[in-house]
Amino acid sequence: MALELVKEGRAQACVSAGNTGALMGLAKLLLKPLEGIERPALVTVLPHQQKGKTVVLDLGANVDCDSTMLVQFAIMGSVLAEEVVEIPNPRVALLILVKKK
């Protein structure tokens, strides 16, 4: 129901305490991702003392990302940072966490 409100333009966001995978799957079906975007990314905005705010995408939700998906995440994060969070000319950096065997 909440995603339908977003789809209809009656809400700008959806918050869920349910299964994240189910929410992302439904969002992809109902809201239709941007052209060329293969997979949605979880995002958060973190405040910090040095420069105001940092936008972080993916948040470990995807463990099998290829370079194409990482570029898509970078584009989505950059646009979000500039247009929504109002960070002019955002800098994109890649953080990789290596899984130990």
PDB file of N, CA and C in Angstrom:
ATOM      1  N   MET A   1       0.818  -1.189   0.000  1.00  0.00           N
ATOM      2  CA  MET A   1       0.000   0.000   0.000  1.00  0.00           C
ATOM      3  C   MET A   1       0.868   1.261   0.000  1.00  0.00           C
ATOM      4  N   ALA A   2       1.914   1.297   0.825  1.00  0.00           N
ATOM      5  CA  ALA A   2       2.768   2.487   0.885  1.00  0.00           C
ATOM      6  C   ALA A   2       3.454   2.734  -0.450  1.00  0.00           C
ATOM      7  N   LEU A   3       3.923   1.672  -1.110  1.00  0.00           N
ATOM      8  CA  LEU A   3       4.561   1.838  -2.418  1.00  0.00           C
ATOM      9  C   LEU A   3       3.563   2.316  -3.467  1.00  0.00           C
ATOM     10  N   GLU A   4       2.323   1.893  -3.346  1.00  0.00           N
ATOM     11  CA  GLU A   4       1.295   2.375  -4.272  1.00  0.00           C
ATOM     12  C   GLU A   4       1.063   3.873  -4.092  1.00  0.00           C
ATOM     13  N   LEU A   5       1.124   4.365  -2.853  1.00  0.00           N
ATOM     14  CA  LEU A   5       0.989   5.803  -2.612  1.00  0.00           C
ATOM     15  C   LEU A   5       2.135   6.572  -3.262  1.00  0.00           C
ATOM     16  N   VAL A   6       3.341   6.025  -3.197  1.00  0.00           N
ATOM     17  CA  VAL A   6       4.490   6.657  -3.857  1.00  0.00           C
ATOM     18  C   VAL A   6       4.269   6.658  -5.365  1.00  0.00           C
ATOM     19  N   LYS A   7       3.835   5.532  -5.906  1.00  0.00           N
ATOM     20  CA  LYS A   7       3.589   5.416  -7.346  1.00  0.00           C
ATOM     21  C   LYS A   7       2.560   6.434  -7.819  1.00  0.00           C
ATOM     22  N   GLU A   8       1.522   6.648  -7.018  1.00  0.00           N
ATOM     23  CA  GLU A   8       0.451   7.584  -7.367  1.00  0.00           C
ATOM     24  C   GLU A   8       0.832   9.040  -7.120  1.00  0.00           C
ATOM     25  N   GLY A   9       1.989   9.287  -6.513  1.00  0.00           N
ATOM     26  CA  GLY A   9       2.406  10.653  -6.226  1.00  0.00           C
ATOM     27  C   GLY A   9       1.807  11.212  -4.952  1.00  0.00           C
ATOM     28  N   ARG A  10       1.152  10.373  -4.157  1.00  0.00           N
ATOM     29  CA  ARG A  10       0.541  10.830  -2.912  1.00  0.00           C
ATOM     30  C   ARG A  10       1.502  10.730  -1.738  1.00  0.00           C
ATOM     31  N   ALA A  11       2.691  10.161  -1.967  1.00  0.00           N
ATOM     32  CA  ALA A  11       3.762  10.097  -0.962  1.00  0.00           C
ATOM     33  C   ALA A  11       5.091  10.170  -1.704  1.00  0.00           C
ATOM     34  N   GLN A  12       6.123  10.678  -1.028  1.00  0.00           N
ATOM     35  CA  GLN A  12       7.448  10.776  -1.638  1.00  0.00           C
ATOM     36  C   GLN A  12       8.383   9.669  -1.167  1.00  0.00           C
ATOM     37  N   ALA A  13       8.006   8.934  -0.141  1.00  0.00           N
ATOM     38  CA  ALA A  13       8.896   7.918   0.413  1.00  0.00           C
ATOM     39  C   ALA A  13       8.081   6.793   1.032  1.00  0.00           C
ATOM     40  N   CYS A  14       8.763   5.679   1.243  1.00  0.00           N
ATOM     41  CA  CYS A  14       8.160   4.519   1.894  1.00  0.00           C
ATOM     42  C   CYS A  14       9.120   4.038   2.973  1.00  0.00           C
ATOM     43  N   VAL A  15       8.613   3.817   4.161  1.00  0.00           N
ATOM     44  CA  VAL A  15       9.409   3.285   5.265  1.00  0.00           C
ATOM     45  C   VAL A  15       8.804   1.940   5.650  1.00  0.00           C
ATOM     46  N   SER A  16       9.661   0.942   5.815  1.00  0.00           N
ATOM     47  CA  SER A  16       9.170  -0.389   6.142  1.00  0.00           C
ATOM     48  C   SER A  16      10.013  -1.024   7.234  1.00  0.00           C
ATOM     49  N   ALA A  17       9.357  -1.750   8.119  1.00  0.00           N
ATOM     50  CA  ALA A  17      10.060  -2.542   9.126  1.00  0.00           C
ATOM     51  C   ALA A  17      10.047  -4.012   8.722  1.00  0.00           C
ATOM     52  N   GLY A  18       9.592  -4.280   7.498  1.00  0.00           N
ATOM     53  CA  GLY A  18       9.490  -5.651   7.018  1.00  0.00           C
ATOM     54  C   GLY A  18      10.755  -6.127   6.323  1.00  0.00           C
ATOM     55  N   ASN A  19      10.621  -7.177   5.546  1.00  0.00           N
ATOM     56  CA  ASN A  19      11.726  -7.790   4.822  1.00  0.00           C
ATOM     57  C   ASN A  19      12.255  -6.841   3.748  1.00  0.00           C
ATOM     58  N   THR A  20      13.536  -6.508   3.828  1.00  0.00           N
ATOM     59  CA  THR A  20      14.138  -5.553   2.899  1.00  0.00           C
ATOM     60  C   THR A  20      14.124  -6.077   1.471  1.00  0.00           C
ATOM     61  N   GLY A  21      14.426  -7.355   1.290  1.00  0.00           N
ATOM     62  CA  GLY A  21      14.428  -7.935  -0.051  1.00  0.00           C
ATOM     63  C   GLY A  21      13.058  -7.859  -0.702  1.00  0.00           C
ATOM     64  N   ALA A  22      12.019  -8.137   0.068  1.00  0.00           N
ATOM     65  CA  ALA A  22      10.657  -8.061  -0.455  1.00  0.00           C
ATOM     66  C   ALA A  22      10.300  -6.625  -0.829  1.00  0.00           C
ATOM     67  N   LEU A  23      10.682  -5.676   0.015  1.00  0.00           N
ATOM     68  CA  LEU A  23      10.403  -4.269  -0.270  1.00  0.00           C
ATOM     69  C   LEU A  23      11.108  -3.822  -1.549  1.00  0.00           C
ATOM     70  N   MET A  24      12.379  -4.183  -1.699  1.00  0.00           N
ATOM     71  CA  MET A  24      13.129  -3.777  -2.887  1.00  0.00           C
ATOM     72  C   MET A  24      12.543  -4.422  -4.144  1.00  0.00           C
ATOM     73  N   GLY A  25      12.146  -5.692  -4.049  1.00  0.00           N
ATOM     74  CA  GLY A  25      11.542  -6.365  -5.194  1.00  0.00           C
ATOM     75  C   GLY A  25      10.232  -5.723  -5.613  1.00  0.00           C
ATOM     76  N   LEU A  26       9.380  -5.430  -4.641  1.00  0.00           N
ATOM     77  CA  LEU A  26       8.112  -4.762  -4.943  1.00  0.00           C
ATOM     78  C   LEU A  26       8.329  -3.360  -5.496  1.00  0.00           C
ATOM     79  N   ALA A  27       9.284  -2.647  -4.926  1.00  0.00           N
ATOM     80  CA  ALA A  27       9.574  -1.294  -5.413  1.00  0.00           C
ATOM     81  C   ALA A  27      10.020  -1.333  -6.867  1.00  0.00           C
ATOM     82  N   LYS A  28      10.845  -2.312  -7.206  1.00  0.00           N
ATOM     83  CA  LYS A  28      11.321  -2.428  -8.590  1.00  0.00           C
ATOM     84  C   LYS A  28      10.162  -2.726  -9.539  1.00  0.00           C
ATOM     85  N   LEU A  29       9.220  -3.560  -9.106  1.00  0.00           N
ATOM     86  CA  LEU A  29       8.066  -3.890  -9.943  1.00  0.00           C
ATOM     87  C   LEU A  29       7.082  -2.731 -10.065  1.00  0.00           C
ATOM     88  N   LEU A  30       6.766  -2.102  -8.943  1.00  0.00           N
ATOM     89  CA  LEU A  30       5.737  -1.061  -8.933  1.00  0.00           C
ATOM     90  C   LEU A  30       6.227   0.300  -9.419  1.00  0.00           C
ATOM     91  N   LEU A  31       7.433   0.676  -9.026  1.00  0.00           N
ATOM     92  CA  LEU A  31       7.897   2.035  -9.294  1.00  0.00           C
ATOM     93  C   LEU A  31       8.731   2.152 -10.560  1.00  0.00           C
ATOM     94  N   LYS A  32       9.150   1.060 -11.115  1.00  0.00           N
ATOM     95  CA  LYS A  32       9.956   1.030 -12.336  1.00  0.00           C
ATOM     96  C   LYS A  32      11.233   1.846 -12.181  1.00  0.00           C
ATOM     97  N   PRO A  33      12.375   1.185 -12.168  1.00  0.00           N
ATOM     98  CA  PRO A  33      13.649   1.907 -12.020  1.00  0.00           C
ATOM     99  C   PRO A  33      13.946   2.781 -13.232  1.00  0.00           C
ATOM    100  N   LEU A  34      14.872   3.688 -13.055  1.00  0.00           N
ATOM    101  CA  LEU A  34      15.310   4.536 -14.158  1.00  0.00           C
ATOM    102  C   LEU A  34      15.895   3.674 -15.271  1.00  0.00           C
ATOM    103  N   GLU A  35      15.781   4.147 -16.481  1.00  0.00           N
ATOM    104  CA  GLU A  35      16.358   3.441 -17.634  1.00  0.00           C
ATOM    105  C   GLU A  35      17.840   3.173 -17.395  1.00  0.00           C
ATOM    106  N   GLY A  36      18.265   1.951 -17.603  1.00  0.00           N
ATOM    107  CA  GLY A  36      19.672   1.599 -17.461  1.00  0.00           C
ATOM    108  C   GLY A  36      20.092   1.209 -16.053  1.00  0.00           C
ATOM    109  N   ILE A  37      19.186   1.278 -15.093  1.00  0.00           N
ATOM    110  CA  ILE A  37      19.518   0.895 -13.717  1.00  0.00           C
ATOM    111  C   ILE A  37      19.051  -0.544 -13.501  1.00  0.00           C
ATOM    112  N   GLU A  38      19.999  -1.435 -13.218  1.00  0.00           N
ATOM    113  CA  GLU A  38      19.682  -2.853 -13.064  1.00  0.00           C
ATOM    114  C   GLU A  38      19.143  -3.204 -11.684  1.00  0.00           C
ATOM    115  N   ARG A  39      19.656  -2.539 -10.659  1.00  0.00           N
ATOM    116  CA  ARG A  39      19.335  -2.940  -9.293  1.00  0.00           C
ATOM    117  C   ARG A  39      19.206  -1.703  -8.409  1.00  0.00           C
ATOM    118  N   PRO A  40      18.181  -1.662  -7.565  1.00  0.00           N
ATOM    119  CA  PRO A  40      18.080  -0.530  -6.632  1.00  0.00           C
ATOM    120  C   PRO A  40      19.168  -0.619  -5.563  1.00  0.00           C
ATOM    121  N   ALA A  41      19.418   0.488  -4.908  1.00  0.00           N
ATOM    122  CA  ALA A  41      20.418   0.520  -3.836  1.00  0.00           C
ATOM    123  C   ALA A  41      19.812   1.156  -2.598  1.00  0.00           C
ATOM    124  N   LEU A  42      20.087   0.575  -1.445  1.00  0.00           N
ATOM    125  CA  LEU A  42      19.700   1.204  -0.185  1.00  0.00           C
ATOM    126  C   LEU A  42      20.594   2.418   0.019  1.00  0.00           C
ATOM    127  N   VAL A  43      20.042   3.464   0.579  1.00  0.00           N
ATOM    128  CA  VAL A  43      20.814   4.697   0.745  1.00  0.00           C
ATOM    129  C   VAL A  43      20.541   5.306   2.113  1.00  0.00           C
ATOM    130  N   THR A  44      21.545   5.968   2.647  1.00  0.00           N
ATOM    131  CA  THR A  44      21.369   6.763   3.859  1.00  0.00           C
ATOM    132  C   THR A  44      22.234   8.009   3.743  1.00  0.00           C
ATOM    133  N   VAL A  45      21.855   9.026   4.465  1.00  0.00           N
ATOM    134  CA  VAL A  45      22.645  10.258   4.527  1.00  0.00           C
ATOM    135  C   VAL A  45      23.185  10.369   5.943  1.00  0.00           C
ATOM    136  N   LEU A  46      24.508  10.420   6.052  1.00  0.00           N
ATOM    137  CA  LEU A  46      25.165  10.482   7.356  1.00  0.00           C
ATOM    138  C   LEU A  46      25.695  11.883   7.614  1.00  0.00           C
ATOM    139  N   PRO A  47      25.289  12.500   8.710  1.00  0.00           N
ATOM    140  CA  PRO A  47      25.877  13.801   9.058  1.00  0.00           C
ATOM    141  C   PRO A  47      27.275  13.601   9.634  1.00  0.00           C
ATOM    142  N   HIS A  48      28.143  14.558   9.403  1.00  0.00           N
ATOM    143  CA  HIS A  48      29.469  14.504  10.021  1.00  0.00           C
ATOM    144  C   HIS A  48      29.996  15.913  10.235  1.00  0.00           C
ATOM    145  N   GLN A  49      31.004  16.054  11.067  1.00  0.00           N
ATOM    146  CA  GLN A  49      31.494  17.369  11.485  1.00  0.00           C
ATOM    147  C   GLN A  49      32.336  18.070  10.430  1.00  0.00           C
ATOM    148  N   GLN A  50      33.074  17.330   9.607  1.00  0.00           N
ATOM    149  CA  GLN A  50      34.013  17.962   8.691  1.00  0.00           C
ATOM    150  C   GLN A  50      33.334  18.732   7.554  1.00  0.00           C
ATOM    151  N   LYS A  51      32.404  18.108   6.855  1.00  0.00           N
ATOM    152  CA  LYS A  51      31.849  18.742   5.662  1.00  0.00           C
ATOM    153  C   LYS A  51      30.339  18.633   5.560  1.00  0.00           C
ATOM    154  N   GLY A  52      29.663  18.431   6.619  1.00  0.00           N
ATOM    155  CA  GLY A  52      28.209  18.422   6.564  1.00  0.00           C
ATOM    156  C   GLY A  52      27.568  17.059   6.478  1.00  0.00           C
ATOM    157  N   LYS A  53      27.472  16.480   5.257  1.00  0.00           N
ATOM    158  CA  LYS A  53      26.748  15.224   5.079  1.00  0.00           C
ATOM    159  C   LYS A  53      27.457  14.335   4.065  1.00  0.00           C
ATOM    160  N   THR A  54      27.269  13.032   4.230  1.00  0.00           N
ATOM    161  CA  THR A  54      27.795  12.043   3.297  1.00  0.00           C
ATOM    162  C   THR A  54      26.650  11.132   2.876  1.00  0.00           C
ATOM    163  N   VAL A  55      26.523  10.899   1.586  1.00  0.00           N
ATOM    164  CA  VAL A  55      25.523   9.976   1.057  1.00  0.00           C
ATOM    165  C   VAL A  55      26.201   8.625   0.861  1.00  0.00           C
ATOM    166  N   VAL A  56      25.607   7.567   1.414  1.00  0.00           N
ATOM    167  CA  VAL A  56      26.171   6.224   1.300  1.00  0.00           C
ATOM    168  C   VAL A  56      25.135   5.328   0.629  1.00  0.00           C
ATOM    169  N   LEU A  57      25.542   4.655  -0.451  1.00  0.00           N
ATOM    170  CA  LEU A  57      24.644   3.754  -1.169  1.00  0.00           C
ATOM    171  C   LEU A  57      25.073   2.314  -1.024  1.00  0.00           C
ATOM    172  N   ASP A  58      24.138   1.437  -1.193  1.00  0.00           N
ATOM    173  CA  ASP A  58      24.227  -0.016  -1.187  1.00  0.00           C
ATOM    174  C   ASP A  58      24.268  -0.586   0.223  1.00  0.00           C
ATOM    175  N   LEU A  59      25.089  -0.066   1.099  1.00  0.00           N
ATOM    176  CA  LEU A  59      25.074  -0.450   2.510  1.00  0.00           C
ATOM    177  C   LEU A  59      25.184  -1.954   2.740  1.00  0.00           C
ATOM    178  N   GLY A  60      25.901  -2.636   1.865  1.00  0.00           N
ATOM    179  CA  GLY A  60      26.120  -4.065   2.044  1.00  0.00           C
ATOM    180  C   GLY A  60      24.963  -4.944   1.622  1.00  0.00           C
ATOM    181  N   ALA A  61      23.961  -4.368   0.995  1.00  0.00           N
ATOM    182  CA  ALA A  61      22.794  -5.150   0.597  1.00  0.00           C
ATOM    183  C   ALA A  61      23.104  -6.113  -0.544  1.00  0.00           C
ATOM    184  N   ASN A  62      24.081  -5.775  -1.357  1.00  0.00           N
ATOM    185  CA  ASN A  62      24.434  -6.605  -2.506  1.00  0.00           C
ATOM    186  C   ASN A  62      25.857  -7.119  -2.348  1.00  0.00           C
ATOM    187  N   VAL A  63      26.006  -8.428  -2.366  1.00  0.00           N
ATOM    188  CA  VAL A  63      27.345  -8.999  -2.208  1.00  0.00           C
ATOM    189  C   VAL A  63      27.944  -9.437  -3.536  1.00  0.00           C
ATOM    190  N   ASP A  64      27.187  -9.338  -4.604  1.00  0.00           N
ATOM    191  CA  ASP A  64      27.668  -9.797  -5.901  1.00  0.00           C
ATOM    192  C   ASP A  64      27.580  -8.713  -6.977  1.00  0.00           C
ATOM    193  N   CYS A  65      27.990  -7.514  -6.648  1.00  0.00           N
ATOM    194  CA  CYS A  65      27.940  -6.404  -7.600  1.00  0.00           C
ATOM    195  C   CYS A  65      29.095  -6.490  -8.586  1.00  0.00           C
ATOM    196  N   ASP A  66      28.785  -6.234  -9.853  1.00  0.00           N
ATOM    197  CA  ASP A  66      29.856  -6.134 -10.834  1.00  0.00           C
ATOM    198  C   ASP A  66      30.175  -4.656 -11.059  1.00  0.00           C
ATOM    199  N   SER A  67      31.141  -4.382 -11.906  1.00  0.00           N
ATOM    200  CA  SER A  67      31.578  -2.995 -12.108  1.00  0.00           C
ATOM    201  C   SER A  67      30.472  -2.126 -12.687  1.00  0.00           C
ATOM    202  N   THR A  68      29.604  -2.693 -13.517  1.00  0.00           N
ATOM    203  CA  THR A  68      28.492  -1.924 -14.089  1.00  0.00           C
ATOM    204  C   THR A  68      27.554  -1.439 -12.994  1.00  0.00           C
ATOM    205  N   MET A  69      27.215  -2.316 -12.067  1.00  0.00           N
ATOM    206  CA  MET A  69      26.321  -1.937 -10.968  1.00  0.00           C
ATOM    207  C   MET A  69      26.965  -0.890 -10.071  1.00  0.00           C
ATOM    208  N   LEU A  70      28.258  -1.014  -9.820  1.00  0.00           N
ATOM    209  CA  LEU A  70      28.947  -0.019  -8.992  1.00  0.00           C
ATOM    210  C   LEU A  70      28.914   1.355  -9.654  1.00  0.00           C
ATOM    211  N   VAL A  71      29.071   1.395 -10.972  1.00  0.00           N
ATOM    212  CA  VAL A  71      28.977   2.670 -11.698  1.00  0.00           C
ATOM    213  C   VAL A  71      27.560   3.227 -11.581  1.00  0.00           C
ATOM    214  N   GLN A  72      26.552   2.368 -11.708  1.00  0.00           N
ATOM    215  CA  GLN A  72      25.167   2.816 -11.563  1.00  0.00           C
ATOM    216  C   GLN A  72      24.910   3.369 -10.162  1.00  0.00           C
ATOM    217  N   PHE A  73      25.427   2.689  -9.136  1.00  0.00           N
ATOM    218  CA  PHE A  73      25.285   3.189  -7.768  1.00  0.00           C
ATOM    219  C   PHE A  73      25.951   4.556  -7.633  1.00  0.00           C
ATOM    220  N   ALA A  74      27.119   4.715  -8.229  1.00  0.00           N
ATOM    221  CA  ALA A  74      27.838   5.989  -8.161  1.00  0.00           C
ATOM    222  C   ALA A  74      27.028   7.106  -8.807  1.00  0.00           C
ATOM    223  N   ILE A  75      26.420   6.822  -9.944  1.00  0.00           N
ATOM    224  CA  ILE A  75      25.602   7.831 -10.630  1.00  0.00           C
ATOM    225  C   ILE A  75      24.387   8.188  -9.786  1.00  0.00           C
ATOM    226  N   MET A  76      23.687   7.169  -9.274  1.00  0.00           N
ATOM    227  CA  MET A  76      22.505   7.440  -8.447  1.00  0.00           C
ATOM    228  C   MET A  76      22.874   8.241  -7.203  1.00  0.00           C
ATOM    229  N   GLY A  77      23.969   7.868  -6.555  1.00  0.00           N
ATOM    230  CA  GLY A  77      24.399   8.580  -5.352  1.00  0.00           C
ATOM    231  C   GLY A  77      24.798  10.007  -5.632  1.00  0.00           C
ATOM    232  N   SER A  78      25.480  10.221  -6.747  1.00  0.00           N
ATOM    233  CA  SER A  78      25.909  11.566  -7.120  1.00  0.00           C
ATOM    234  C   SER A  78      24.712  12.471  -7.398  1.00  0.00           C
ATOM    235  N   VAL A  79      23.742  11.950  -8.139  1.00  0.00           N
ATOM    236  CA  VAL A  79      22.536  12.732  -8.440  1.00  0.00           C
ATOM    237  C   VAL A  79      21.766  13.032  -7.158  1.00  0.00           C
ATOM    238  N   LEU A  80      21.606  12.039  -6.295  1.00  0.00           N
ATOM    239  CA  LEU A  80      20.907  12.244  -5.025  1.00  0.00           C
ATOM    240  C   LEU A  80      21.620  13.285  -4.172  1.00  0.00           C
ATOM    241  N   ALA A  81      22.943  13.169  -4.085  1.00  0.00           N
ATOM    242  CA  ALA A  81      23.723  14.110  -3.270  1.00  0.00           C
ATOM    243  C   ALA A  81      23.558  15.537  -3.769  1.00  0.00           C
ATOM    244  N   GLU A  82      23.587  15.707  -5.081  1.00  0.00           N
ATOM    245  CA  GLU A  82      23.508  17.057  -5.642  1.00  0.00           C
ATOM    246  C   GLU A  82      22.087  17.619  -5.623  1.00  0.00           C
ATOM    247  N   GLU A  83      21.119  16.822  -6.042  1.00  0.00           N
ATOM    248  CA  GLU A  83      19.754  17.322  -6.213  1.00  0.00           C
ATOM    249  C   GLU A  83      18.921  17.330  -4.932  1.00  0.00           C
ATOM    250  N   VAL A  84      19.105  16.340  -4.072  1.00  0.00           N
ATOM    251  CA  VAL A  84      18.267  16.225  -2.878  1.00  0.00           C
ATOM    252  C   VAL A  84      18.970  16.755  -1.636  1.00  0.00           C
ATOM    253  N   VAL A  85      20.216  16.348  -1.439  1.00  0.00           N
ATOM    254  CA  VAL A  85      20.962  16.744  -0.241  1.00  0.00           C
ATOM    255  C   VAL A  85      21.649  18.099  -0.440  1.00  0.00           C
ATOM    256  N   GLU A  86      21.666  18.569  -1.698  1.00  0.00           N
ATOM    257  CA  GLU A  86      22.239  19.876  -2.055  1.00  0.00           C
ATOM    258  C   GLU A  86      23.735  19.969  -1.763  1.00  0.00           C
ATOM    259  N   ILE A  87      24.463  18.927  -2.148  1.00  0.00           N
ATOM    260  CA  ILE A  87      25.922  18.931  -2.081  1.00  0.00           C
ATOM    261  C   ILE A  87      26.416  19.278  -3.483  1.00  0.00           C
ATOM    262  N   PRO A  88      26.979  20.470  -3.679  1.00  0.00           N
ATOM    263  CA  PRO A  88      27.429  20.845  -5.023  1.00  0.00           C
ATOM    264  C   PRO A  88      28.651  20.025  -5.447  1.00  0.00           C
ATOM    265  N   ASN A  89      28.649  19.553  -6.682  1.00  0.00           N
ATOM    266  CA  ASN A  89      29.764  18.775  -7.240  1.00  0.00           C
ATOM    267  C   ASN A  89      30.233  17.665  -6.296  1.00  0.00           C
ATOM    268  N   PRO A  90      29.364  16.717  -5.963  1.00  0.00           N
ATOM    269  CA  PRO A  90      29.753  15.667  -5.017  1.00  0.00           C
ATOM    270  C   PRO A  90      30.900  14.815  -5.555  1.00  0.00           C
ATOM    271  N   ARG A  91      31.755  14.379  -4.654  1.00  0.00           N
ATOM    272  CA  ARG A  91      32.875  13.492  -4.991  1.00  0.00           C
ATOM    273  C   ARG A  91      32.438  12.065  -4.684  1.00  0.00           C
ATOM    274  N   VAL A  92      32.713  11.154  -5.599  1.00  0.00           N
ATOM    275  CA  VAL A  92      32.335   9.753  -5.433  1.00  0.00           C
ATOM    276  C   VAL A  92      33.570   8.943  -5.065  1.00  0.00           C
ATOM    277  N   ALA A  93      33.439   8.084  -4.075  1.00  0.00           N
ATOM    278  CA  ALA A  93      34.530   7.200  -3.670  1.00  0.00           C
ATOM    279  C   ALA A  93      33.968   5.794  -3.482  1.00  0.00           C
ATOM    280  N   LEU A  94      34.805   4.807  -3.666  1.00  0.00           N
ATOM    281  CA  LEU A  94      34.406   3.413  -3.539  1.00  0.00           C
ATOM    282  C   LEU A  94      34.995   2.825  -2.267  1.00  0.00           C
ATOM    283  N   LEU A  95      34.132   2.252  -1.449  1.00  0.00           N
ATOM    284  CA  LEU A  95      34.566   1.571  -0.232  1.00  0.00           C
ATOM    285  C   LEU A  95      34.313   0.085  -0.431  1.00  0.00           C
ATOM    286  N   ILE A  96      35.359  -0.699  -0.347  1.00  0.00           N
ATOM    287  CA  ILE A  96      35.221  -2.140  -0.537  1.00  0.00           C
ATOM    288  C   ILE A  96      35.571  -2.849   0.763  1.00  0.00           C
ATOM    289  N   LEU A  97      34.662  -3.682   1.206  1.00  0.00           N
ATOM    290  CA  LEU A  97      34.913  -4.517   2.374  1.00  0.00           C
ATOM    291  C   LEU A  97      35.187  -5.926   1.881  1.00  0.00           C
ATOM    292  N   VAL A  98      36.341  -6.440   2.190  1.00  0.00           N
ATOM    293  CA  VAL A  98      36.735  -7.764   1.729  1.00  0.00           C
ATOM    294  C   VAL A  98      36.283  -8.811   2.739  1.00  0.00           C
ATOM    295  N   LYS A  99      35.623  -9.834   2.243  1.00  0.00           N
ATOM    296  CA  LYS A  99      35.157 -10.919   3.103  1.00  0.00           C
ATOM    297  C   LYS A  99      36.301 -11.907   3.313  1.00  0.00           C
ATOM    298  N   LYS A 100      36.606 -12.179   4.572  1.00  0.00           N
ATOM    299  CA  LYS A 100      37.659 -13.147   4.887  1.00  0.00           C
ATOM    300  C   LYS A 100      37.137 -14.558   4.708  1.00  0.00           C
ATOM    301  N   LYS A 101      38.022 -15.435   4.258  1.00  0.00           N
ATOM    302  CA  LYS A 101      37.628 -16.842   4.056  1.00  0.00           C
ATOM    303  C   LYS A 101      37.793 -17.644   5.316  1.00  0.00           C
TER     304      LYS A 101
END
